[in-house]
Amino acid sequence: MKSAILIFAGLSLNCSTAAAQEPQAHPILSREQFLSYAAGAVVAGMYCGKLELNADFFLGYEYATGVYPPLDPNFRPEMARIEKDAKSDLDSYCKMARLMFYKGNKPKPLAAPLLVDKQ
């Protein structure tokens, strides 16, 4: 009995130490952040010729949260605002969108992996 308690205590200590050493998970996007980022990525997909939406990320986020940007009432006004800003300087906007959302960035995109190369 005494050895069983010692083994259990040792395992508990090892598990808590291992949990403390795990790398921190990436921060989860809030609904508002995702809608804003999605609007920016959609605009980039429309105007930045070599980029398209990363359907896997969008579907995964929708599956996990139930948020589907085209049906959200805040999405269209945000997209219209971003589109207006993007049209004023498309070259700069496309460079910024690639930095923020392009899945192929190393080590990772600044915001979320919402864009990929066109197939």
Protein backbone atom coordinates (compact mmCIF):
# COMPACT_ATOMS: atom_id res chain seq x y z
CA MET A 1 0.00 0.00 0.00
CA LYS A 2 2.81 2.35 0.92
CA SER A 3 4.60 1.70 -2.39
CA ALA A 4 1.36 2.26 -4.32
CA ILE A 5 0.99 5.70 -2.71
CA LEU A 6 4.62 6.56 -3.52
CA ILE A 7 4.18 5.47 -7.15
CA PHE A 8 0.98 7.52 -7.47
CA ALA A 9 2.69 10.58 -5.94
CA GLY A 10 5.65 10.18 -8.32
CA LEU A 11 3.40 9.90 -11.35
CA SER A 12 1.41 12.95 -10.26
CA LEU A 13 4.60 14.96 -9.88
CA ASN A 14 5.88 13.87 -13.30
CA CYS A 15 2.58 14.71 -14.99
CA SER A 16 2.40 18.16 -13.44
CA THR A 17 6.01 18.87 -14.45
CA ALA A 18 5.34 17.72 -18.03
CA ALA A 19 2.21 19.87 -18.24
CA ALA A 20 4.16 22.91 -17.08
CA GLN A 21 6.74 22.36 -19.84
CA GLU A 22 4.22 22.14 -22.71
CA PRO A 23 4.44 25.04 -25.14
CA GLN A 24 1.67 27.58 -24.90
CA ALA A 25 -1.11 27.15 -27.45
CA HIS A 26 -1.67 29.82 -30.06
CA PRO A 27 -4.17 32.44 -28.93
CA ILE A 28 -7.70 31.81 -30.12
CA LEU A 29 -9.24 34.44 -32.38
CA SER A 30 -12.28 36.16 -30.96
CA ARG A 31 -15.38 36.38 -33.13
CA GLU A 32 -14.77 40.07 -33.84
CA GLN A 33 -11.11 39.49 -34.74
CA PHE A 34 -11.99 36.61 -37.03
CA LEU A 35 -14.67 38.63 -38.83
CA SER A 36 -12.30 41.57 -39.32
CA TYR A 37 -9.45 39.32 -40.48
CA ALA A 38 -11.80 37.37 -42.74
CA ALA A 39 -13.01 40.60 -44.35
CA GLY A 40 -9.40 41.65 -44.95
CA ALA A 41 -8.56 38.27 -46.44
CA VAL A 42 -11.61 38.29 -48.72
CA VAL A 43 -10.61 41.72 -50.04
CA ALA A 44 -7.05 40.46 -50.59
CA GLY A 45 -8.44 37.44 -52.44
CA MET A 46 -10.45 39.76 -54.67
CA TYR A 47 -7.70 42.28 -55.48
CA CYS A 48 -4.34 40.57 -54.91
CA GLY A 49 -4.00 38.39 -58.00
CA LYS A 50 -1.83 35.58 -56.64
CA LEU A 51 -3.72 34.95 -53.39
CA GLU A 52 -6.92 33.10 -52.51
CA LEU A 53 -8.72 32.19 -49.31
CA ASN A 54 -7.46 29.28 -47.23
CA ALA A 55 -10.69 27.29 -47.23
CA ASP A 56 -9.36 24.77 -44.69
CA PHE A 57 -8.84 27.46 -42.04
CA PHE A 58 -12.23 29.08 -42.70
CA LEU A 59 -14.04 25.73 -42.55
CA GLY A 60 -12.17 24.72 -39.40
CA TYR A 61 -13.02 27.98 -37.64
CA GLU A 62 -16.65 27.73 -38.71
CA TYR A 63 -16.84 24.12 -37.56
CA ALA A 64 -15.27 24.94 -34.19
CA THR A 65 -17.24 28.11 -33.45
CA GLY A 66 -20.30 28.21 -35.70
CA VAL A 67 -19.26 31.63 -37.03
CA TYR A 68 -19.86 31.93 -40.79
CA PRO A 69 -18.72 35.40 -41.91
CA PRO A 70 -21.09 35.97 -44.87
CA LEU A 71 -24.10 35.49 -42.60
CA ASP A 72 -22.84 37.72 -39.79
CA PRO A 73 -24.37 41.23 -39.87
CA ASN A 74 -21.04 42.87 -38.97
CA PHE A 75 -19.09 41.24 -41.80
CA ARG A 76 -20.34 43.19 -44.84
CA PRO A 77 -19.82 46.68 -43.36
CA GLU A 78 -16.30 45.69 -42.22
CA MET A 79 -15.53 44.29 -45.65
CA ALA A 80 -16.81 47.46 -47.37
CA ARG A 81 -14.62 49.62 -45.11
CA ILE A 82 -11.53 47.52 -45.77
CA GLU A 83 -12.23 47.37 -49.52
CA LYS A 84 -12.44 51.16 -49.67
CA ASP A 85 -9.11 51.49 -47.85
CA ALA A 86 -7.48 48.81 -50.00
CA LYS A 87 -8.52 50.45 -53.29
CA SER A 88 -6.69 53.63 -52.31
CA ASP A 89 -3.30 51.80 -52.40
CA LEU A 90 -3.63 48.23 -53.65
CA ASP A 91 0.09 47.49 -53.80
CA SER A 92 0.62 48.34 -50.13
CA TYR A 93 -2.57 46.56 -49.13
CA CYS A 94 -1.52 43.34 -50.89
CA LYS A 95 1.92 43.43 -49.24
CA MET A 96 0.32 43.98 -45.84
CA ALA A 97 -2.25 41.21 -46.43
CA ARG A 98 0.53 38.78 -47.38
CA LEU A 99 2.41 39.65 -44.18
CA MET A 100 -0.68 39.31 -41.98
CA PHE A 101 -2.53 36.38 -43.54
CA TYR A 102 -0.34 34.32 -45.90
CA LYS A 103 -0.11 30.70 -44.73
CA GLY A 104 3.38 30.19 -46.22
CA ASN A 105 5.09 32.84 -44.05
CA LYS A 106 7.95 31.56 -41.92
CA PRO A 107 7.62 31.15 -39.00
CA LYS A 108 3.90 32.06 -39.35
CA PRO A 109 1.56 34.86 -40.47
CA LEU A 110 1.16 37.74 -38.03
CA ALA A 111 -2.63 37.34 -37.64
CA ALA A 112 -4.00 34.07 -39.05
CA PRO A 113 -3.33 31.74 -42.02
CA LEU A 114 -6.25 32.97 -44.11
CA LEU A 115 -4.55 33.18 -47.54
CA VAL A 116 -2.77 30.69 -49.77
CA ASP A 117 -1.33 30.80 -53.29
CA LYS A 118 -3.87 30.49 -56.10
CA GLN A 119 -4.00 27.02 -57.58
